[in-house]
Amino acid sequence: RSTGATCERSSGRAVLDWIAPRLIAEGAEIHVVPAPVNGAR
């Protein structure tokens, strides 16, 4: 509601889905929003 909707372009979404379990943990979801969030949350 503050940052704008999550960015879901399919090619970028595929990269996030591929790297999330390798970088964080199985079942993790990474979402990108258009506005800054001071790093990652």
PDB file of all heavy atoms in Angstrom:
ATOM      1  N   ARG A   1       0.839  -1.200   0.000  1.00  0.00           N
ATOM      2  CA  ARG A   1       0.000   0.000   0.000  1.00  0.00           C
ATOM      3  C   ARG A   1       0.872   1.248   0.000  1.00  0.00           C
ATOM      4  O   ARG A   1       0.458   2.299  -0.488  1.00  0.00           O
ATOM      5  CB  ARG A   1      -0.931  -0.001   1.215  1.00  0.00           C
ATOM      6  CG  ARG A   1      -1.964  -1.109   1.196  1.00  0.00           C
ATOM      7  CD  ARG A   1      -2.777  -1.203   2.479  1.00  0.00           C
ATOM      8  NE  ARG A   1      -3.514   0.017   2.746  1.00  0.00           N
ATOM      9  CZ  ARG A   1      -3.299   0.813   3.788  1.00  0.00           C
ATOM     10  NH1 ARG A   1      -2.369   0.502   4.680  1.00  0.00           N
ATOM     11  NH2 ARG A   1      -4.002   1.896   3.966  1.00  0.00           N
ATOM     12  N   SER A   2       2.109   1.141   0.547  1.00  0.00           N
ATOM     13  CA  SER A   2       3.039   2.273   0.572  1.00  0.00           C
ATOM     14  C   SER A   2       4.031   2.227  -0.575  1.00  0.00           C
ATOM     15  O   SER A   2       4.442   3.274  -1.087  1.00  0.00           O
ATOM     16  CB  SER A   2       3.812   2.273   1.904  1.00  0.00           C
ATOM     17  OG  SER A   2       2.933   2.366   3.007  1.00  0.00           O
ATOM     18  N   THR A   3       4.441   1.034  -0.982  1.00  0.00           N
ATOM     19  CA  THR A   3       5.528   0.911  -1.958  1.00  0.00           C
ATOM     20  C   THR A   3       5.056   0.695  -3.382  1.00  0.00           C
ATOM     21  O   THR A   3       5.836   0.860  -4.323  1.00  0.00           O
ATOM     22  CB  THR A   3       6.426  -0.274  -1.588  1.00  0.00           C
ATOM     23  OG1 THR A   3       5.648  -1.491  -1.670  1.00  0.00           O
ATOM     24  CG2 THR A   3       6.977  -0.132  -0.183  1.00  0.00           C
ATOM     25  N   GLY A   4       3.810   0.311  -3.559  1.00  0.00           N
ATOM     26  CA  GLY A   4       3.337  -0.142  -4.856  1.00  0.00           C
ATOM     27  C   GLY A   4       3.371  -1.658  -4.910  1.00  0.00           C
ATOM     28  O   GLY A   4       4.034  -2.317  -4.107  1.00  0.00           O
ATOM     29  N   ALA A   5       2.662  -2.218  -5.859  1.00  0.00           N
ATOM     30  CA  ALA A   5       2.519  -3.672  -5.958  1.00  0.00           C
ATOM     31  C   ALA A   5       3.865  -4.337  -6.207  1.00  0.00           C
ATOM     32  O   ALA A   5       4.788  -3.737  -6.778  1.00  0.00           O
ATOM     33  CB  ALA A   5       1.547  -4.024  -7.083  1.00  0.00           C
ATOM     34  N   THR A   6       3.975  -5.589  -5.783  1.00  0.00           N
ATOM     35  CA  THR A   6       5.198  -6.345  -6.025  1.00  0.00           C
ATOM     36  C   THR A   6       5.445  -6.500  -7.525  1.00  0.00           C
ATOM     37  O   THR A   6       4.504  -6.583  -8.318  1.00  0.00           O
ATOM     38  CB  THR A   6       5.114  -7.741  -5.381  1.00  0.00           C
ATOM     39  OG1 THR A   6       3.981  -8.444  -5.906  1.00  0.00           O
ATOM     40  CG2 THR A   6       4.999  -7.638  -3.877  1.00  0.00           C
ATOM     41  N   CYS A   7       6.720  -6.515  -7.894  1.00  0.00           N
ATOM     42  CA  CYS A   7       7.110  -6.649  -9.309  1.00  0.00           C
ATOM     43  C   CYS A   7       7.104  -8.124  -9.687  1.00  0.00           C
ATOM     44  O   CYS A   7       7.746  -8.935  -9.009  1.00  0.00           O
ATOM     45  CB  CYS A   7       8.490  -6.052  -9.526  1.00  0.00           C
ATOM     46  SG  CYS A   7       8.613  -4.313  -9.026  1.00  0.00           S
ATOM     47  N   GLU A   8       6.389  -8.465 -10.743  1.00  0.00           N
ATOM     48  CA  GLU A   8       6.190  -9.870 -11.072  1.00  0.00           C
ATOM     49  C   GLU A   8       6.526 -10.215 -12.522  1.00  0.00           C
ATOM     50  O   GLU A   8       5.951 -11.147 -13.082  1.00  0.00           O
ATOM     51  CB  GLU A   8       4.734 -10.263 -10.772  1.00  0.00           C
ATOM     52  CG  GLU A   8       4.304 -10.097  -9.330  1.00  0.00           C
ATOM     53  CD  GLU A   8       5.022 -11.041  -8.378  1.00  0.00           C
ATOM     54  OE1 GLU A   8       5.604 -12.029  -8.867  1.00  0.00           O
ATOM     55  OE2 GLU A   8       5.015 -10.781  -7.157  1.00  0.00           O
ATOM     56  N   ARG A   9       7.433  -9.468 -13.149  1.00  0.00           N
ATOM     57  CA  ARG A   9       7.824  -9.843 -14.515  1.00  0.00           C
ATOM     58  C   ARG A   9       8.361 -11.277 -14.493  1.00  0.00           C
ATOM     59  O   ARG A   9       9.203 -11.629 -13.660  1.00  0.00           O
ATOM     60  CB  ARG A   9       8.877  -8.894 -15.047  1.00  0.00           C
ATOM     61  CG  ARG A   9       9.170  -9.095 -16.527  1.00  0.00           C
ATOM     62  CD  ARG A   9      10.028  -7.992 -17.091  1.00  0.00           C
ATOM     63  NE  ARG A   9      10.221  -8.171 -18.523  1.00  0.00           N
ATOM     64  CZ  ARG A   9      10.860  -7.323 -19.293  1.00  0.00           C
ATOM     65  NH1 ARG A   9      11.351  -6.206 -18.762  1.00  0.00           N
ATOM     66  NH2 ARG A   9      11.003  -7.552 -20.581  1.00  0.00           N
ATOM     67  N   SER A  10       7.862 -12.107 -15.399  1.00  0.00           N
ATOM     68  CA  SER A  10       8.061 -13.553 -15.296  1.00  0.00           C
ATOM     69  C   SER A  10       9.526 -13.962 -15.289  1.00  0.00           C
ATOM     70  O   SER A  10       9.922 -14.858 -14.522  1.00  0.00           O
ATOM     71  CB  SER A  10       7.317 -14.272 -16.425  1.00  0.00           C
ATOM     72  OG  SER A  10       7.776 -13.818 -17.691  1.00  0.00           O
ATOM     73  N   SER A  11      10.372 -13.340 -16.101  1.00  0.00           N
ATOM     74  CA  SER A  11      11.782 -13.741 -16.151  1.00  0.00           C
ATOM     75  C   SER A  11      12.484 -13.439 -14.830  1.00  0.00           C
ATOM     76  O   SER A  11      13.271 -14.248 -14.332  1.00  0.00           O
ATOM     77  CB  SER A  11      12.489 -13.040 -17.310  1.00  0.00           C
ATOM     78  OG  SER A  11      12.362 -11.621 -17.192  1.00  0.00           O
ATOM     79  N   GLY A  12      12.184 -12.276 -14.243  1.00  0.00           N
ATOM     80  CA  GLY A  12      12.765 -11.934 -12.947  1.00  0.00           C
ATOM     81  C   GLY A  12      12.205 -12.778 -11.833  1.00  0.00           C
ATOM     82  O   GLY A  12      12.918 -13.191 -10.907  1.00  0.00           O
ATOM     83  N   ARG A  13      10.902 -13.074 -11.909  1.00  0.00           N
ATOM     84  CA  ARG A  13      10.266 -13.933 -10.905  1.00  0.00           C
ATOM     85  C   ARG A  13      10.889 -15.319 -10.885  1.00  0.00           C
ATOM     86  O   ARG A  13      11.092 -15.923  -9.833  1.00  0.00           O
ATOM     87  CB  ARG A  13       8.773 -14.028 -11.225  1.00  0.00           C
ATOM     88  CG  ARG A  13       7.916 -14.850 -10.274  1.00  0.00           C
ATOM     89  CD  ARG A  13       7.700 -14.145  -8.976  1.00  0.00           C
ATOM     90  NE  ARG A  13       8.550 -14.693  -7.937  1.00  0.00           N
ATOM     91  CZ  ARG A  13       8.760 -14.124  -6.769  1.00  0.00           C
ATOM     92  NH1 ARG A  13       8.219 -12.948  -6.502  1.00  0.00           N
ATOM     93  NH2 ARG A  13       9.539 -14.672  -5.876  1.00  0.00           N
ATOM     94  N   ALA A  14      11.229 -15.823 -12.059  1.00  0.00           N
ATOM     95  CA  ALA A  14      11.858 -17.140 -12.155  1.00  0.00           C
ATOM     96  C   ALA A  14      13.218 -17.143 -11.461  1.00  0.00           C
ATOM     97  O   ALA A  14      13.591 -18.125 -10.804  1.00  0.00           O
ATOM     98  CB  ALA A  14      11.999 -17.552 -13.621  1.00  0.00           C
ATOM     99  N   VAL A  15      13.967 -16.041 -11.586  1.00  0.00           N
ATOM    100  CA  VAL A  15      15.269 -15.952 -10.922  1.00  0.00           C
ATOM    101  C   VAL A  15      15.089 -15.945  -9.403  1.00  0.00           C
ATOM    102  O   VAL A  15      15.813 -16.634  -8.670  1.00  0.00           O
ATOM    103  CB  VAL A  15      16.033 -14.690 -11.383  1.00  0.00           C
ATOM    104  CG1 VAL A  15      17.341 -14.540 -10.608  1.00  0.00           C
ATOM    105  CG2 VAL A  15      16.315 -14.762 -12.878  1.00  0.00           C
ATOM    106  N   LEU A  16      14.127 -15.195  -8.904  1.00  0.00           N
ATOM    107  CA  LEU A  16      13.887 -15.144  -7.461  1.00  0.00           C
ATOM    108  C   LEU A  16      13.485 -16.517  -6.928  1.00  0.00           C
ATOM    109  O   LEU A  16      13.953 -16.943  -5.860  1.00  0.00           O
ATOM    110  CB  LEU A  16      12.788 -14.125  -7.149  1.00  0.00           C
ATOM    111  CG  LEU A  16      13.128 -12.647  -7.377  1.00  0.00           C
ATOM    112  CD1 LEU A  16      11.916 -11.781  -7.083  1.00  0.00           C
ATOM    113  CD2 LEU A  16      14.317 -12.214  -6.529  1.00  0.00           C
ATOM    114  N   ASP A  17      12.606 -17.203  -7.669  1.00  0.00           N
ATOM    115  CA  ASP A  17      12.178 -18.532  -7.230  1.00  0.00           C
ATOM    116  C   ASP A  17      13.335 -19.526  -7.245  1.00  0.00           C
ATOM    117  O   ASP A  17      13.366 -20.465  -6.442  1.00  0.00           O
ATOM    118  CB  ASP A  17      11.046 -19.044  -8.134  1.00  0.00           C
ATOM    119  CG  ASP A  17       9.766 -18.241  -7.975  1.00  0.00           C
ATOM    120  OD1 ASP A  17       9.641 -17.540  -6.944  1.00  0.00           O
ATOM    121  OD2 ASP A  17       8.904 -18.296  -8.865  1.00  0.00           O
ATOM    122  N   TRP A  18      14.276 -19.326  -8.158  1.00  0.00           N
ATOM    123  CA  TRP A  18      15.425 -20.225  -8.251  1.00  0.00           C
ATOM    124  C   TRP A  18      16.427 -19.974  -7.124  1.00  0.00           C
ATOM    125  O   TRP A  18      16.968 -20.916  -6.538  1.00  0.00           O
ATOM    126  CB  TRP A  18      16.112 -20.036  -9.609  1.00  0.00           C
ATOM    127  CG  TRP A  18      17.345 -20.879  -9.788  1.00  0.00           C
ATOM    128  CD1 TRP A  18      17.408 -22.178 -10.184  1.00  0.00           C
ATOM    129  CD2 TRP A  18      18.699 -20.446  -9.560  1.00  0.00           C
ATOM    130  NE1 TRP A  18      18.728 -22.597 -10.217  1.00  0.00           N
ATOM    131  CE2 TRP A  18      19.537 -21.559  -9.846  1.00  0.00           C
ATOM    132  CE3 TRP A  18      19.277 -19.253  -9.160  1.00  0.00           C
ATOM    133  CZ2 TRP A  18      20.922 -21.495  -9.721  1.00  0.00           C
ATOM    134  CZ3 TRP A  18      20.659 -19.188  -9.027  1.00  0.00           C
ATOM    135  CH2 TRP A  18      21.471 -20.305  -9.317  1.00  0.00           C
ATOM    136  N   ILE A  19      16.655 -18.716  -6.801  1.00  0.00           N
ATOM    137  CA  ILE A  19      17.717 -18.402  -5.848  1.00  0.00           C
ATOM    138  C   ILE A  19      17.254 -18.442  -4.394  1.00  0.00           C
ATOM    139  O   ILE A  19      18.066 -18.650  -3.480  1.00  0.00           O
ATOM    140  CB  ILE A  19      18.345 -17.018  -6.155  1.00  0.00           C
ATOM    141  CG1 ILE A  19      19.734 -16.925  -5.514  1.00  0.00           C
ATOM    142  CG2 ILE A  19      17.433 -15.868  -5.697  1.00  0.00           C
ATOM    143  CD1 ILE A  19      20.500 -15.692  -5.889  1.00  0.00           C
ATOM    144  N   ALA A  20      15.958 -18.268  -4.118  1.00  0.00           N
ATOM    145  CA  ALA A  20      15.481 -18.189  -2.735  1.00  0.00           C
ATOM    146  C   ALA A  20      15.874 -19.404  -1.899  1.00  0.00           C
ATOM    147  O   ALA A  20      16.423 -19.248  -0.800  1.00  0.00           O
ATOM    148  CB  ALA A  20      13.962 -17.976  -2.713  1.00  0.00           C
ATOM    149  N   PRO A  21      15.617 -20.643  -2.345  1.00  0.00           N
ATOM    150  CA  PRO A  21      16.013 -21.782  -1.510  1.00  0.00           C
ATOM    151  C   PRO A  21      17.518 -21.944  -1.397  1.00  0.00           C
ATOM    152  O   PRO A  21      18.006 -22.489  -0.403  1.00  0.00           O
ATOM    153  CB  PRO A  21      15.369 -22.983  -2.231  1.00  0.00           C
ATOM    154  CG  PRO A  21      15.172 -22.546  -3.631  1.00  0.00           C
ATOM    155  CD  PRO A  21      14.904 -21.079  -3.564  1.00  0.00           C
ATOM    156  N   ARG A  22      18.274 -21.494  -2.373  1.00  0.00           N
ATOM    157  CA  ARG A  22      19.732 -21.613  -2.327  1.00  0.00           C
ATOM    158  C   ARG A  22      20.351 -20.563  -1.413  1.00  0.00           C
ATOM    159  O   ARG A  22      21.334 -20.822  -0.726  1.00  0.00           O
ATOM    160  CB  ARG A  22      20.305 -21.468  -3.741  1.00  0.00           C
ATOM    161  CG  ARG A  22      19.951 -22.637  -4.654  1.00  0.00           C
ATOM    162  CD  ARG A  22      20.209 -22.303  -6.119  1.00  0.00           C
ATOM    163  NE  ARG A  22      20.001 -23.461  -6.986  1.00  0.00           N
ATOM    164  CZ  ARG A  22      18.800 -23.881  -7.378  1.00  0.00           C
ATOM    165  NH1 ARG A  22      17.707 -23.233  -6.980  1.00  0.00           N
ATOM    166  NH2 ARG A  22      18.691 -24.945  -8.158  1.00  0.00           N
ATOM    167  N   LEU A  23      19.747 -19.391  -1.406  1.00  0.00           N
ATOM    168  CA  LEU A  23      20.312 -18.282  -0.633  1.00  0.00           C
ATOM    169  C   LEU A  23      19.785 -18.244   0.794  1.00  0.00           C
ATOM    170  O   LEU A  23      20.522 -17.917   1.728  1.00  0.00           O
ATOM    171  CB  LEU A  23      19.979 -16.961  -1.340  1.00  0.00           C
ATOM    172  CG  LEU A  23      20.647 -15.698  -0.804  1.00  0.00           C
ATOM    173  CD1 LEU A  23      22.146 -15.772  -0.999  1.00  0.00           C
ATOM    174  CD2 LEU A  23      20.065 -14.464  -1.497  1.00  0.00           C
ATOM    175  N   ILE A  24      18.510 -18.606   0.980  1.00  0.00           N
ATOM    176  CA  ILE A  24      17.885 -18.459   2.298  1.00  0.00           C
ATOM    177  C   ILE A  24      17.510 -19.820   2.874  1.00  0.00           C
ATOM    178  O   ILE A  24      18.177 -20.341   3.749  1.00  0.00           O
ATOM    179  CB  ILE A  24      16.641 -17.542   2.212  1.00  0.00           C
ATOM    180  CG1 ILE A  24      17.044 -16.168   1.634  1.00  0.00           C
ATOM    181  CG2 ILE A  24      16.018 -17.358   3.578  1.00  0.00           C
ATOM    182  CD1 ILE A  24      15.878 -15.271   1.307  1.00  0.00           C
ATOM    183  N   ALA A  25      16.420 -20.414   2.386  1.00  0.00           N
ATOM    184  CA  ALA A  25      15.975 -21.716   2.902  1.00  0.00           C
ATOM    185  C   ALA A  25      14.869 -22.243   2.001  1.00  0.00           C
ATOM    186  O   ALA A  25      14.241 -21.479   1.255  1.00  0.00           O
ATOM    187  CB  ALA A  25      15.464 -21.586   4.333  1.00  0.00           C
ATOM    188  N   GLU A  26      14.646 -23.545   2.079  1.00  0.00           N
ATOM    189  CA  GLU A  26      13.536 -24.132   1.348  1.00  0.00           C
ATOM    190  C   GLU A  26      12.230 -23.480   1.797  1.00  0.00           C
ATOM    191  O   GLU A  26      11.991 -23.298   2.986  1.00  0.00           O
ATOM    192  CB  GLU A  26      13.468 -25.642   1.602  1.00  0.00           C
ATOM    193  CG  GLU A  26      14.548 -26.443   0.907  1.00  0.00           C
ATOM    194  CD  GLU A  26      14.413 -26.426  -0.607  1.00  0.00           C
ATOM    195  OE1 GLU A  26      13.277 -26.220  -1.094  1.00  0.00           O
ATOM    196  OE2 GLU A  26      15.428 -26.614  -1.296  1.00  0.00           O
ATOM    197  N   GLY A  27      11.384 -23.152   0.839  1.00  0.00           N
ATOM    198  CA  GLY A  27      10.100 -22.535   1.169  1.00  0.00           C
ATOM    199  C   GLY A  27      10.142 -21.028   1.276  1.00  0.00           C
ATOM    200  O   GLY A  27       9.096 -20.390   1.435  1.00  0.00           O
ATOM    201  N   ALA A  28      11.336 -20.439   1.186  1.00  0.00           N
ATOM    202  CA  ALA A  28      11.433 -18.976   1.287  1.00  0.00           C
ATOM    203  C   ALA A  28      10.901 -18.322   0.016  1.00  0.00           C
ATOM    204  O   ALA A  28      11.023 -18.867  -1.079  1.00  0.00           O
ATOM    205  CB  ALA A  28      12.875 -18.554   1.533  1.00  0.00           C
ATOM    206  N   GLU A  29      10.292 -17.152   0.178  1.00  0.00           N
ATOM    207  CA  GLU A  29       9.785 -16.360  -0.935  1.00  0.00           C
ATOM    208  C   GLU A  29      10.438 -14.982  -0.902  1.00  0.00           C
ATOM    209  O   GLU A  29      10.478 -14.346   0.148  1.00  0.00           O
ATOM    210  CB  GLU A  29       8.267 -16.164  -0.844  1.00  0.00           C
ATOM    211  CG  GLU A  29       7.436 -17.360  -1.161  1.00  0.00           C
ATOM    212  CD  GLU A  29       5.939 -17.024  -1.119  1.00  0.00           C
ATOM    213  OE1 GLU A  29       5.606 -15.823  -1.115  1.00  0.00           O
ATOM    214  OE2 GLU A  29       5.137 -17.964  -1.066  1.00  0.00           O
ATOM    215  N   ILE A  30      10.953 -14.528  -2.031  1.00  0.00           N
ATOM    216  CA  ILE A  30      11.513 -13.183  -2.136  1.00  0.00           C
ATOM    217  C   ILE A  30      10.621 -12.364  -3.066  1.00  0.00           C
ATOM    218  O   ILE A  30      10.299 -12.819  -4.167  1.00  0.00           O
ATOM    219  CB  ILE A  30      12.950 -13.209  -2.695  1.00  0.00           C
ATOM    220  CG1 ILE A  30      13.849 -14.090  -1.839  1.00  0.00           C
ATOM    221  CG2 ILE A  30      13.518 -11.787  -2.764  1.00  0.00           C
ATOM    222  CD1 ILE A  30      15.233 -14.312  -2.436  1.00  0.00           C
ATOM    223  N   HIS A  31      10.213 -11.186  -2.620  1.00  0.00           N
ATOM    224  CA  HIS A  31       9.384 -10.296  -3.428  1.00  0.00           C
ATOM    225  C   HIS A  31      10.082  -8.953  -3.560  1.00  0.00           C
ATOM    226  O   HIS A  31      10.678  -8.442  -2.599  1.00  0.00           O
ATOM    227  CB  HIS A  31       8.008 -10.108  -2.785  1.00  0.00           C
ATOM    228  CG  HIS A  31       7.212 -11.368  -2.714  1.00  0.00           C
ATOM    229  ND1 HIS A  31       6.397 -11.804  -3.736  1.00  0.00           N
ATOM    230  CD2 HIS A  31       7.129 -12.306  -1.730  1.00  0.00           C
ATOM    231  CE1 HIS A  31       5.833 -12.940  -3.396  1.00  0.00           C
ATOM    232  NE2 HIS A  31       6.254 -13.279  -2.188  1.00  0.00           N
ATOM    233  N   VAL A  32      10.031  -8.389  -4.745  1.00  0.00           N
ATOM    234  CA  VAL A  32      10.634  -7.081  -5.022  1.00  0.00           C
ATOM    235  C   VAL A  32       9.519  -6.057  -5.177  1.00  0.00           C
ATOM    236  O   VAL A  32       8.519  -6.315  -5.870  1.00  0.00           O
ATOM    237  CB  VAL A  32      11.495  -7.139  -6.301  1.00  0.00           C
ATOM    238  CG1 VAL A  32      12.036  -5.747  -6.645  1.00  0.00           C
ATOM    239  CG2 VAL A  32      12.651  -8.120  -6.120  1.00  0.00           C
ATOM    240  N   VAL A  33       9.677  -4.909  -4.520  1.00  0.00           N
ATOM    241  CA  VAL A  33       8.711  -3.816  -4.645  1.00  0.00           C
ATOM    242  C   VAL A  33       9.397  -2.623  -5.295  1.00  0.00           C
ATOM    243  O   VAL A  33      10.628  -2.486  -5.219  1.00  0.00           O
ATOM    244  CB  VAL A  33       8.121  -3.422  -3.268  1.00  0.00           C
ATOM    245  CG1 VAL A  33       7.274  -4.549  -2.705  1.00  0.00           C
ATOM    246  CG2 VAL A  33       9.233  -3.049  -2.285  1.00  0.00           C
ATOM    247  N   PRO A  34       8.649  -1.731  -5.950  1.00  0.00           N
ATOM    248  CA  PRO A  34       9.270  -0.624  -6.691  1.00  0.00           C
ATOM    249  C   PRO A  34       9.986   0.392  -5.816  1.00  0.00           C
ATOM    250  O   PRO A  34      10.943   1.023  -6.263  1.00  0.00           O
ATOM    251  CB  PRO A  34       8.093   0.025  -7.412  1.00  0.00           C
ATOM    252  CG  PRO A  34       6.994  -0.978  -7.383  1.00  0.00           C
ATOM    253  CD  PRO A  34       7.197  -1.794  -6.147  1.00  0.00           C
ATOM    254  N   ALA A  35       9.540   0.570  -4.580  1.00  0.00           N
ATOM    255  CA  ALA A  35      10.107   1.602  -3.714  1.00  0.00           C
ATOM    256  C   ALA A  35      11.149   1.008  -2.774  1.00  0.00           C
ATOM    257  O   ALA A  35      11.134  -0.180  -2.482  1.00  0.00           O
ATOM    258  CB  ALA A  35       8.994   2.261  -2.892  1.00  0.00           C
ATOM    259  N   PRO A  36      12.073   1.834  -2.274  1.00  0.00           N
ATOM    260  CA  PRO A  36      13.081   1.340  -1.323  1.00  0.00           C
ATOM    261  C   PRO A  36      12.436   0.877  -0.022  1.00  0.00           C
ATOM    262  O   PRO A  36      11.432   1.437   0.430  1.00  0.00           O
ATOM    263  CB  PRO A  36      13.980   2.565  -1.088  1.00  0.00           C
ATOM    264  CG  PRO A  36      13.724   3.474  -2.245  1.00  0.00           C
ATOM    265  CD  PRO A  36      12.299   3.248  -2.635  1.00  0.00           C
ATOM    266  N   VAL A  37      13.027  -0.142   0.590  1.00  0.00           N
ATOM    267  CA  VAL A  37      12.567  -0.620   1.905  1.00  0.00           C
ATOM    268  C   VAL A  37      13.740  -0.640   2.882  1.00  0.00           C
ATOM    269  O   VAL A  37      13.717  -1.364   3.862  1.00  0.00           O
ATOM    270  CB  VAL A  37      11.899  -2.000   1.814  1.00  0.00           C
ATOM    271  CG1 VAL A  37      10.643  -1.946   0.979  1.00  0.00           C
ATOM    272  CG2 VAL A  37      12.874  -3.055   1.273  1.00  0.00           C
ATOM    273  N   ASN A  38      14.782   0.161   2.572  1.00  0.00           N
ATOM    274  CA  ASN A  38      15.963   0.234   3.433  1.00  0.00           C
ATOM    275  C   ASN A  38      16.633  -1.130   3.537  1.00  0.00           C
ATOM    276  O   ASN A  38      16.795  -1.688   4.611  1.00  0.00           O
ATOM    277  CB  ASN A  38      15.581   0.761   4.823  1.00  0.00           C
ATOM    278  CG  ASN A  38      16.800   1.073   5.673  1.00  0.00           C
ATOM    279  OD1 ASN A  38      17.908   1.204   5.158  1.00  0.00           O
ATOM    280  ND2 ASN A  38      16.601   1.185   6.976  1.00  0.00           N
ATOM    281  N   GLY A  39      16.999  -1.694   2.399  1.00  0.00           N
ATOM    282  CA  GLY A  39      17.655  -2.999   2.382  1.00  0.00           C
ATOM    283  C   GLY A  39      16.671  -4.091   2.052  1.00  0.00           C
ATOM    284  O   GLY A  39      16.003  -4.068   1.022  1.00  0.00           O
ATOM    285  N   ALA A  40      16.572  -5.057   2.944  1.00  0.00           N
ATOM    286  CA  ALA A  40      15.607  -6.152   2.796  1.00  0.00           C
ATOM    287  C   ALA A  40      14.901  -6.346   4.123  1.00  0.00           C
ATOM    288  O   ALA A  40      15.455  -6.055   5.186  1.00  0.00           O
ATOM    289  CB  ALA A  40      16.310  -7.433   2.362  1.00  0.00           C
ATOM    290  N   ARG A  41      13.680  -6.853   4.070  1.00  0.00           N
ATOM    291  CA  ARG A  41      12.895  -7.084   5.279  1.00  0.00           C
ATOM    292  C   ARG A  41      12.413  -8.529   5.300  1.00  0.00           C
ATOM    293  O   ARG A  41      11.936  -9.053   4.298  1.00  0.00           O
ATOM    294  CB  ARG A  41      11.695  -6.140   5.340  1.00  0.00           C
ATOM    295  CG  ARG A  41      12.054  -4.656   5.333  1.00  0.00           C
ATOM    296  CD  ARG A  41      12.831  -4.262   6.582  1.00  0.00           C
ATOM    297  NE  ARG A  41      13.205  -2.856   6.559  1.00  0.00           N
ATOM    298  CZ  ARG A  41      12.976  -2.003   7.562  1.00  0.00           C
ATOM    299  NH1 ARG A  41      12.372  -2.438   8.658  1.00  0.00           N
ATOM    300  NH2 ARG A  41      13.357  -0.752   7.462  1.00  0.00           N
TER     301      ARG A  41
END
